[in-house]
């Protein structure tokens, strides 16, 4: 990469009740080999001391800025970060996750090389202390480049594991803010499953997407997190509602292969939720 050619990248980190983990997350961002960063820590009304830890990091590193707000939820925190971001590129990192040192540099280089609006990496899910050794692996890394339409037409198929989560990607901010011909994207307030509701819309705003098989993002699973909690009835309804809204998008555009992929997943979830309900009643 030519010196002086690095564009500013904004990393948006929503922070809520993660005192035990936020330091490890921020340290992984400070250690990035790509250094032209602003790190936006959006404290979403934490009461456990997470906000104070963020303030300490901002004092130590002038690339870090802390935004304190009332607790409005993950989507609102991401939106606040987007509204404040000064970078030409944007990445989202969850405050209990960790990224490898070349996470941003790799995705930035891919975006630049392929002139892609979105660059995405593979990720590893589990306990950080157990999965750290597997990150960055995967044999010889492959790059996969495609147009927005090509990715949408096969949605939930071959590249499913790259698609939906927001945090394994680097975005050209223009596709999130919109243009005269393309409306901007923001995460839905007061809705769960925000990535299910927005990932395909963001891809539709892009022209080209590039994927790498390298595992650069470590997605922590922990007791009490949204992904490990047993879904209550209202959460299950919200999950299915989000899936139906996504399916309607693909049906409207007649991307039938993607629509059928999603329909199969929807039917599977309906069956699984029904089985869980019966199991609890026994």
Foldseek 3Di string as FASTA:
>chain_A
DDPPPDFEEEEAEEDAQPLVAQVQAVVLVCLAPRHNYAYEYEDAQHDPCPQVVLVVVCVVDVSYDYHYDHHQDDQVSVQVSLVPDPTQKYAYDYSRKHFHRHLPVVQVVVCVVVVWQKEFEAAAEEACVPCVVVAQDDPDKDKDKDFLVVCLLQALHPPPRGFQDRHRMMGRSCLQCDDPVGHHNGFDTPAPSSSLQPRNSSSVSITMYMYMHGHGIYHYDDPPDPVPDDDDPVRLVRVLVSLVNSLVVCVVVVSVNNNVSSVVVSVVSVVVVVVVVVVVVD
